[in-house]
Amino acid sequence: MADAGKGAGRARPVLDPIDRLSEISFGLLMALTFTGTMSVTLGEGGQVRDVLLAALGCNIAWGIVDAMVYLLSTYTDRGRGRAAADAIRAASRAEARALLREELPEGAGEVLSEQELDQMIAMMRAHPRSAPQRELTRGDLRAALAVFALVTLATLPPTLPFLIFDHLPLAMRVSNAASLAMLALIGWRLDRLMGGEARHLVWIVPVFGSILVVVTIALGG
């Protein structure tokens, strides 16, 4: 789902890389819950076309829901950031320092001295409070559209093999291989974004995704 905790009070790009990868993963796993039951569905008299349409319809529905959640979280997060800034301006010096430490990125608040915090607070108080602008921007709407598109388009990799190959077992193997390869690529990209050297996510993401799909199918999802 779209991250609700970043970028309060400032314009964000149309989804940062982690947001994009998260949305692709979400849509991919949703589609896999349908293709994973393909053999059972066809054995009960279902049609490949029906399953693929169901997967697409489900991802479209969740794409709409996720886009709406993104807009709602962006709207409320922007207001929360403005309220936090107002609280810092109005608080006593000691309280303002504590509030500012909480609002700063992880680790940043601890390394700043009281004098440095006081300088930041003084700059905030000297800057006039801007008029409330909580309405959603065009950038927010573009980001919501990107959320919808990513969740919907993620349906393609696990479903295309069923349109290409007539042999169902082969189509399922190709579909699963393509999906696992995508999840591994997403994990690799997340490792790169995190700047780590361990490269754990390149295998954790596909394994974790496979477990989620199996659990979802087992629970009737």
C-alpha atoms as a PDB file:
ATOM      1  CA  MET A   1       0.000   0.000   0.000  1.00  0.00           C
ATOM      2  CA  ALA A   2       1.052   3.674  -0.492  1.00  0.00           C
ATOM      3  CA  ASP A   3       3.271   5.013   2.210  1.00  0.00           C
ATOM      4  CA  ALA A   4       1.379   7.399   4.469  1.00  0.00           C
ATOM      5  CA  GLY A   5       4.240   8.622   6.588  1.00  0.00           C
ATOM      6  CA  LYS A   6       6.503  10.554   4.269  1.00  0.00           C
ATOM      7  CA  GLY A   7       6.660  13.995   2.817  1.00  0.00           C
ATOM      8  CA  ALA A   8       4.300  15.805   5.201  1.00  0.00           C
ATOM      9  CA  GLY A   9       3.832  19.406   4.229  1.00  0.00           C
ATOM     10  CA  ARG A  10       5.947  19.339   1.068  1.00  0.00           C
ATOM     11  CA  ALA A  11       5.406  18.372  -2.517  1.00  0.00           C
ATOM     12  CA  ARG A  12       6.427  14.836  -3.355  1.00  0.00           C
ATOM     13  CA  PRO A  13       7.509  13.374  -6.664  1.00  0.00           C
ATOM     14  CA  VAL A  14       5.114  11.050  -8.456  1.00  0.00           C
ATOM     15  CA  LEU A  15       5.954   8.129  -6.163  1.00  0.00           C
ATOM     16  CA  ASP A  16       9.481   7.547  -4.960  1.00  0.00           C
ATOM     17  CA  PRO A  17      11.267   4.303  -5.989  1.00  0.00           C
ATOM     18  CA  ILE A  18      10.262   2.392  -2.868  1.00  0.00           C
ATOM     19  CA  ASP A  19       6.612   3.401  -3.313  1.00  0.00           C
ATOM     20  CA  ARG A  20       6.704   2.198  -6.915  1.00  0.00           C
ATOM     21  CA  LEU A  21       8.291  -1.129  -6.037  1.00  0.00           C
ATOM     22  CA  SER A  22       5.799  -1.642  -3.212  1.00  0.00           C
ATOM     23  CA  GLU A  23       2.835  -1.059  -5.510  1.00  0.00           C
ATOM     24  CA  ILE A  24       4.223  -3.448  -8.143  1.00  0.00           C
ATOM     25  CA  SER A  25       4.782  -6.121  -5.482  1.00  0.00           C
ATOM     26  CA  PHE A  26       1.261  -5.669  -4.164  1.00  0.00           C
ATOM     27  CA  GLY A  27      -0.336  -6.005  -7.602  1.00  0.00           C
ATOM     28  CA  LEU A  28       1.846  -8.967  -8.499  1.00  0.00           C
ATOM     29  CA  LEU A  29       0.940 -10.877  -5.344  1.00  0.00           C
ATOM     30  CA  MET A  30      -2.749 -10.138  -5.878  1.00  0.00           C
ATOM     31  CA  ALA A  31      -2.591 -11.615  -9.379  1.00  0.00           C
ATOM     32  CA  LEU A  32      -0.670 -14.661  -8.140  1.00  0.00           C
ATOM     33  CA  THR A  33      -3.516 -15.585  -5.799  1.00  0.00           C
ATOM     34  CA  PHE A  34      -5.642 -16.129  -8.915  1.00  0.00           C
ATOM     35  CA  THR A  35      -3.145 -17.842 -11.187  1.00  0.00           C
ATOM     36  CA  GLY A  36      -2.048 -20.077  -8.324  1.00  0.00           C
ATOM     37  CA  THR A  37      -5.489 -21.705  -8.295  1.00  0.00           C
ATOM     38  CA  MET A  38      -5.744 -21.963 -12.084  1.00  0.00           C
ATOM     39  CA  SER A  39      -5.493 -25.762 -12.236  1.00  0.00           C
ATOM     40  CA  VAL A  40      -8.131 -26.211  -9.527  1.00  0.00           C
ATOM     41  CA  THR A  41     -10.463 -23.721 -11.175  1.00  0.00           C
ATOM     42  CA  LEU A  42     -10.161 -25.341 -14.608  1.00  0.00           C
ATOM     43  CA  GLY A  43     -10.646 -28.766 -13.076  1.00  0.00           C
ATOM     44  CA  GLU A  44     -13.982 -27.565 -11.716  1.00  0.00           C
ATOM     45  CA  GLY A  45     -15.131 -26.420 -15.138  1.00  0.00           C
ATOM     46  CA  GLY A  46     -13.812 -22.860 -15.143  1.00  0.00           C
ATOM     47  CA  GLN A  47     -12.286 -21.153 -18.146  1.00  0.00           C
ATOM     48  CA  VAL A  48      -8.841 -19.564 -18.425  1.00  0.00           C
ATOM     49  CA  ARG A  49     -10.446 -16.368 -19.678  1.00  0.00           C
ATOM     50  CA  ASP A  50     -12.682 -16.183 -16.606  1.00  0.00           C
ATOM     51  CA  VAL A  51      -9.744 -16.525 -14.222  1.00  0.00           C
ATOM     52  CA  LEU A  52      -7.677 -13.919 -16.060  1.00  0.00           C
ATOM     53  CA  LEU A  53     -10.592 -11.488 -16.121  1.00  0.00           C
ATOM     54  CA  ALA A  54     -11.127 -12.083 -12.397  1.00  0.00           C
ATOM     55  CA  ALA A  55      -7.438 -11.356 -11.702  1.00  0.00           C
ATOM     56  CA  LEU A  56      -7.564  -8.186 -13.786  1.00  0.00           C
ATOM     57  CA  GLY A  57     -10.836  -7.070 -12.198  1.00  0.00           C
ATOM     58  CA  CYS A  58      -9.499  -7.664  -8.700  1.00  0.00           C
ATOM     59  CA  ASN A  59      -6.337  -5.672  -9.381  1.00  0.00           C
ATOM     60  CA  ILE A  60      -8.339  -2.841 -10.937  1.00  0.00           C
ATOM     61  CA  ALA A  61     -10.547  -2.727  -7.837  1.00  0.00           C
ATOM     62  CA  TRP A  62      -7.570  -2.764  -5.483  1.00  0.00           C
ATOM     63  CA  GLY A  63      -5.778  -0.224  -7.626  1.00  0.00           C
ATOM     64  CA  ILE A  64      -8.708   2.153  -7.143  1.00  0.00           C
ATOM     65  CA  VAL A  65      -8.813   1.462  -3.406  1.00  0.00           C
ATOM     66  CA  ASP A  66      -5.059   1.935  -3.018  1.00  0.00           C
ATOM     67  CA  ALA A  67      -5.155   5.178  -5.001  1.00  0.00           C
ATOM     68  CA  MET A  68      -7.931   6.518  -2.756  1.00  0.00           C
ATOM     69  CA  VAL A  69      -5.987   5.506   0.358  1.00  0.00           C
ATOM     70  CA  TYR A  70      -2.940   7.313  -1.039  1.00  0.00           C
ATOM     71  CA  LEU A  71      -4.917  10.527  -1.518  1.00  0.00           C
ATOM     72  CA  LEU A  72      -6.459  10.286   1.950  1.00  0.00           C
ATOM     73  CA  SER A  73      -3.129   9.604   3.657  1.00  0.00           C
ATOM     74  CA  THR A  74      -1.458  12.437   1.728  1.00  0.00           C
ATOM     75  CA  TYR A  75      -4.223  14.867   2.732  1.00  0.00           C
ATOM     76  CA  THR A  76      -4.125  13.945   6.424  1.00  0.00           C
ATOM     77  CA  ASP A  77      -0.328  13.697   6.556  1.00  0.00           C
ATOM     78  CA  ARG A  78       0.002  17.200   5.177  1.00  0.00           C
ATOM     79  CA  GLY A  79      -2.310  18.523   7.890  1.00  0.00           C
ATOM     80  CA  ARG A  80      -0.468  16.572  10.589  1.00  0.00           C
ATOM     81  CA  GLY A  81       2.856  18.076   9.519  1.00  0.00           C
ATOM     82  CA  ARG A  82       1.413  21.593   9.664  1.00  0.00           C
ATOM     83  CA  ALA A  83      -0.053  20.924  13.115  1.00  0.00           C
ATOM     84  CA  ALA A  84       3.317  19.635  14.353  1.00  0.00           C
ATOM     85  CA  ALA A  85       5.040  22.792  13.107  1.00  0.00           C
ATOM     86  CA  ASP A  86       2.454  24.953  14.871  1.00  0.00           C
ATOM     87  CA  ALA A  87       2.962  23.004  18.099  1.00  0.00           C
ATOM     88  CA  ILE A  88       6.722  23.557  17.930  1.00  0.00           C
ATOM     89  CA  ARG A  89       6.254  27.295  17.385  1.00  0.00           C
ATOM     90  CA  ALA A  90       3.886  27.597  20.349  1.00  0.00           C
ATOM     91  CA  ALA A  91       5.722  25.347  22.840  1.00  0.00           C
ATOM     92  CA  SER A  92       8.262  26.360  25.449  1.00  0.00           C
ATOM     93  CA  ARG A  93      11.924  25.988  24.566  1.00  0.00           C
ATOM     94  CA  ALA A  94      12.344  22.559  26.210  1.00  0.00           C
ATOM     95  CA  GLU A  95       9.054  21.228  24.837  1.00  0.00           C
ATOM     96  CA  ALA A  96       9.862  22.576  21.370  1.00  0.00           C
ATOM     97  CA  ARG A  97      13.193  20.754  21.390  1.00  0.00           C
ATOM     98  CA  ALA A  98      11.517  17.457  22.291  1.00  0.00           C
ATOM     99  CA  LEU A  99       8.840  17.908  19.636  1.00  0.00           C
ATOM    100  CA  LEU A 100      11.398  18.793  16.982  1.00  0.00           C
ATOM    101  CA  ARG A 101      13.539  15.759  17.811  1.00  0.00           C
ATOM    102  CA  GLU A 102      10.485  13.553  17.277  1.00  0.00           C
ATOM    103  CA  GLU A 103       9.732  15.111  13.893  1.00  0.00           C
ATOM    104  CA  LEU A 104      13.268  14.894  12.525  1.00  0.00           C
ATOM    105  CA  PRO A 105      14.328  11.801  10.521  1.00  0.00           C
ATOM    106  CA  GLU A 106      15.519   8.809  12.490  1.00  0.00           C
ATOM    107  CA  GLY A 107      18.883   9.465  14.114  1.00  0.00           C
ATOM    108  CA  ALA A 108      19.021  13.135  13.149  1.00  0.00           C
ATOM    109  CA  GLY A 109      17.369  14.386  16.335  1.00  0.00           C
ATOM    110  CA  GLU A 110      19.871  12.621  18.564  1.00  0.00           C
ATOM    111  CA  VAL A 111      22.992  14.048  16.909  1.00  0.00           C
ATOM    112  CA  LEU A 112      21.869  17.686  16.961  1.00  0.00           C
ATOM    113  CA  SER A 113      22.885  19.754  19.968  1.00  0.00           C
ATOM    114  CA  GLU A 114      20.430  21.888  21.937  1.00  0.00           C
ATOM    115  CA  GLN A 115      21.957  24.992  20.377  1.00  0.00           C
ATOM    116  CA  GLU A 116      21.383  23.627  16.883  1.00  0.00           C
ATOM    117  CA  LEU A 117      17.811  22.690  17.748  1.00  0.00           C
ATOM    118  CA  ASP A 118      17.243  26.168  19.179  1.00  0.00           C
ATOM    119  CA  GLN A 119      18.493  27.699  15.931  1.00  0.00           C
ATOM    120  CA  MET A 120      16.036  25.608  13.920  1.00  0.00           C
ATOM    121  CA  ILE A 121      13.177  26.505  16.254  1.00  0.00           C
ATOM    122  CA  ALA A 122      14.070  30.194  16.041  1.00  0.00           C
ATOM    123  CA  MET A 123      13.993  29.994  12.245  1.00  0.00           C
ATOM    124  CA  MET A 124      10.567  28.316  12.360  1.00  0.00           C
ATOM    125  CA  ARG A 125       9.189  30.976  14.692  1.00  0.00           C
ATOM    126  CA  ALA A 126      10.642  33.781  12.588  1.00  0.00           C
ATOM    127  CA  HIS A 127       9.021  32.378   9.473  1.00  0.00           C
ATOM    128  CA  PRO A 128       5.365  33.378   9.187  1.00  0.00           C
ATOM    129  CA  ARG A 129       2.867  30.564   9.282  1.00  0.00           C
ATOM    130  CA  SER A 130       1.592  29.908   5.775  1.00  0.00           C
ATOM    131  CA  ALA A 131      -2.114  29.830   5.096  1.00  0.00           C
ATOM    132  CA  PRO A 132      -3.619  26.328   5.323  1.00  0.00           C
ATOM    133  CA  GLN A 133      -3.382  24.550   1.965  1.00  0.00           C
ATOM    134  CA  ARG A 134      -4.634  21.079   2.615  1.00  0.00           C
ATOM    135  CA  GLU A 135      -6.300  20.611  -0.742  1.00  0.00           C
ATOM    136  CA  LEU A 136      -4.851  17.931  -2.960  1.00  0.00           C
ATOM    137  CA  THR A 137      -2.566  19.053  -5.757  1.00  0.00           C
ATOM    138  CA  ARG A 138      -2.204  17.886  -9.328  1.00  0.00           C
ATOM    139  CA  GLY A 139       0.957  16.088  -8.276  1.00  0.00           C
ATOM    140  CA  ASP A 140      -1.039  14.134  -5.693  1.00  0.00           C
ATOM    141  CA  LEU A 141      -3.582  13.143  -8.329  1.00  0.00           C
ATOM    142  CA  ARG A 142      -0.813  12.051 -10.709  1.00  0.00           C
ATOM    143  CA  ALA A 143       0.718   9.946  -7.952  1.00  0.00           C
ATOM    144  CA  ALA A 144      -2.655   8.333  -7.220  1.00  0.00           C
ATOM    145  CA  LEU A 145      -3.035   7.546 -10.925  1.00  0.00           C
ATOM    146  CA  ALA A 146       0.448   6.000 -10.882  1.00  0.00           C
ATOM    147  CA  VAL A 147      -0.580   3.833  -7.912  1.00  0.00           C
ATOM    148  CA  PHE A 148      -3.620   2.594  -9.845  1.00  0.00           C
ATOM    149  CA  ALA A 149      -1.588   1.921 -12.998  1.00  0.00           C
ATOM    150  CA  LEU A 150       1.175   0.021 -11.192  1.00  0.00           C
ATOM    151  CA  VAL A 151      -1.217  -2.249  -9.291  1.00  0.00           C
ATOM    152  CA  THR A 152      -3.223  -2.958 -12.455  1.00  0.00           C
ATOM    153  CA  LEU A 153      -0.275  -3.505 -14.820  1.00  0.00           C
ATOM    154  CA  ALA A 154       1.369  -5.871 -12.325  1.00  0.00           C
ATOM    155  CA  THR A 155      -1.324  -8.358 -13.392  1.00  0.00           C
ATOM    156  CA  LEU A 156       0.429  -8.914 -16.737  1.00  0.00           C
ATOM    157  CA  PRO A 157       3.570 -10.969 -15.854  1.00  0.00           C
ATOM    158  CA  PRO A 158       1.739 -13.835 -14.093  1.00  0.00           C
ATOM    159  CA  THR A 159      -1.185 -13.905 -16.556  1.00  0.00           C
ATOM    160  CA  LEU A 160       0.440 -13.523 -19.998  1.00  0.00           C
ATOM    161  CA  PRO A 161       1.824 -17.108 -20.067  1.00  0.00           C
ATOM    162  CA  PHE A 162      -1.748 -18.429 -19.977  1.00  0.00           C
ATOM    163  CA  LEU A 163      -2.499 -16.486 -23.142  1.00  0.00           C
ATOM    164  CA  ILE A 164       0.686 -17.641 -24.882  1.00  0.00           C
ATOM    165  CA  PHE A 165       0.868 -21.355 -24.006  1.00  0.00           C
ATOM    166  CA  ASP A 166      -1.963 -23.841 -24.556  1.00  0.00           C
ATOM    167  CA  HIS A 167      -0.431 -26.428 -22.234  1.00  0.00           C
ATOM    168  CA  LEU A 168      -1.643 -25.488 -18.731  1.00  0.00           C
ATOM    169  CA  PRO A 169       1.208 -27.024 -16.656  1.00  0.00           C
ATOM    170  CA  LEU A 170       3.784 -25.259 -18.844  1.00  0.00           C
ATOM    171  CA  ALA A 171       1.892 -21.972 -18.602  1.00  0.00           C
ATOM    172  CA  MET A 172       1.774 -22.256 -14.800  1.00  0.00           C
ATOM    173  CA  ARG A 173       5.502 -22.974 -14.567  1.00  0.00           C
ATOM    174  CA  VAL A 174       6.356 -20.027 -16.797  1.00  0.00           C
ATOM    175  CA  SER A 175       3.955 -17.803 -14.855  1.00  0.00           C
ATOM    176  CA  ASN A 176       5.473 -18.789 -11.505  1.00  0.00           C
ATOM    177  CA  ALA A 177       9.020 -18.377 -12.827  1.00  0.00           C
ATOM    178  CA  ALA A 178       8.252 -14.917 -14.228  1.00  0.00           C
ATOM    179  CA  SER A 179       6.629 -13.849 -10.964  1.00  0.00           C
ATOM    180  CA  LEU A 180       9.496 -15.108  -8.806  1.00  0.00           C
ATOM    181  CA  ALA A 181      11.992 -13.419 -11.123  1.00  0.00           C
ATOM    182  CA  MET A 182      10.106 -10.133 -10.777  1.00  0.00           C
ATOM    183  CA  LEU A 183       9.991 -10.433  -6.998  1.00  0.00           C
ATOM    184  CA  ALA A 184      13.735 -11.184  -6.920  1.00  0.00           C
ATOM    185  CA  LEU A 185      14.371  -8.140  -9.121  1.00  0.00           C
ATOM    186  CA  ILE A 186      12.262  -6.013  -6.784  1.00  0.00           C
ATOM    187  CA  GLY A 187      14.228  -7.343  -3.797  1.00  0.00           C
ATOM    188  CA  TRP A 188      17.520  -6.595  -5.573  1.00  0.00           C
ATOM    189  CA  ARG A 189      16.375  -3.064  -6.326  1.00  0.00           C
ATOM    190  CA  LEU A 190      15.298  -2.537  -2.710  1.00  0.00           C
ATOM    191  CA  ASP A 191      18.736  -3.711  -1.580  1.00  0.00           C
ATOM    192  CA  ARG A 192      20.320  -1.131  -3.872  1.00  0.00           C
ATOM    193  CA  LEU A 193      18.060   1.637  -2.572  1.00  0.00           C
ATOM    194  CA  MET A 194      18.881   0.751   1.027  1.00  0.00           C
ATOM    195  CA  GLY A 195      22.591   0.907   0.248  1.00  0.00           C
ATOM    196  CA  GLY A 196      23.261  -2.358   2.090  1.00  0.00           C
ATOM    197  CA  GLU A 197      25.932  -4.870   1.241  1.00  0.00           C
ATOM    198  CA  ALA A 198      24.167  -7.979   2.599  1.00  0.00           C
ATOM    199  CA  ARG A 199      21.729  -8.241  -0.334  1.00  0.00           C
ATOM    200  CA  HIS A 200      19.210 -10.194   1.748  1.00  0.00           C
ATOM    201  CA  LEU A 201      16.075  -8.826   0.109  1.00  0.00           C
ATOM    202  CA  VAL A 202      16.930 -10.335  -3.278  1.00  0.00           C
ATOM    203  CA  TRP A 203      15.823 -13.706  -1.864  1.00  0.00           C
ATOM    204  CA  ILE A 204      13.697 -12.624   1.103  1.00  0.00           C
ATOM    205  CA  VAL A 205      11.143 -10.817  -1.093  1.00  0.00           C
ATOM    206  CA  PRO A 206      10.348 -13.804  -3.388  1.00  0.00           C
ATOM    207  CA  VAL A 207      10.289 -16.245  -0.470  1.00  0.00           C
ATOM    208  CA  PHE A 208       8.076 -13.982   1.619  1.00  0.00           C
ATOM    209  CA  GLY A 209       5.840 -13.294  -1.385  1.00  0.00           C
ATOM    210  CA  SER A 210       5.450 -17.012  -2.103  1.00  0.00           C
ATOM    211  CA  ILE A 211       4.477 -17.653   1.523  1.00  0.00           C
ATOM    212  CA  LEU A 212       1.876 -14.868   1.411  1.00  0.00           C
ATOM    213  CA  VAL A 213       0.358 -16.281  -1.787  1.00  0.00           C
ATOM    214  CA  VAL A 214       0.165 -19.804  -0.359  1.00  0.00           C
ATOM    215  CA  VAL A 215      -1.434 -18.542   2.868  1.00  0.00           C
ATOM    216  CA  THR A 216      -3.918 -16.381   0.941  1.00  0.00           C
ATOM    217  CA  ILE A 217      -4.952 -19.299  -1.288  1.00  0.00           C
ATOM    218  CA  ALA A 218      -5.224 -21.642   1.709  1.00  0.00           C
ATOM    219  CA  LEU A 219      -7.512 -19.181   3.496  1.00  0.00           C
ATOM    220  CA  GLY A 220      -9.741 -18.869   0.447  1.00  0.00           C
ATOM    221  CA  GLY A 221      -8.401 -15.530  -0.822  1.00  0.00           C
END
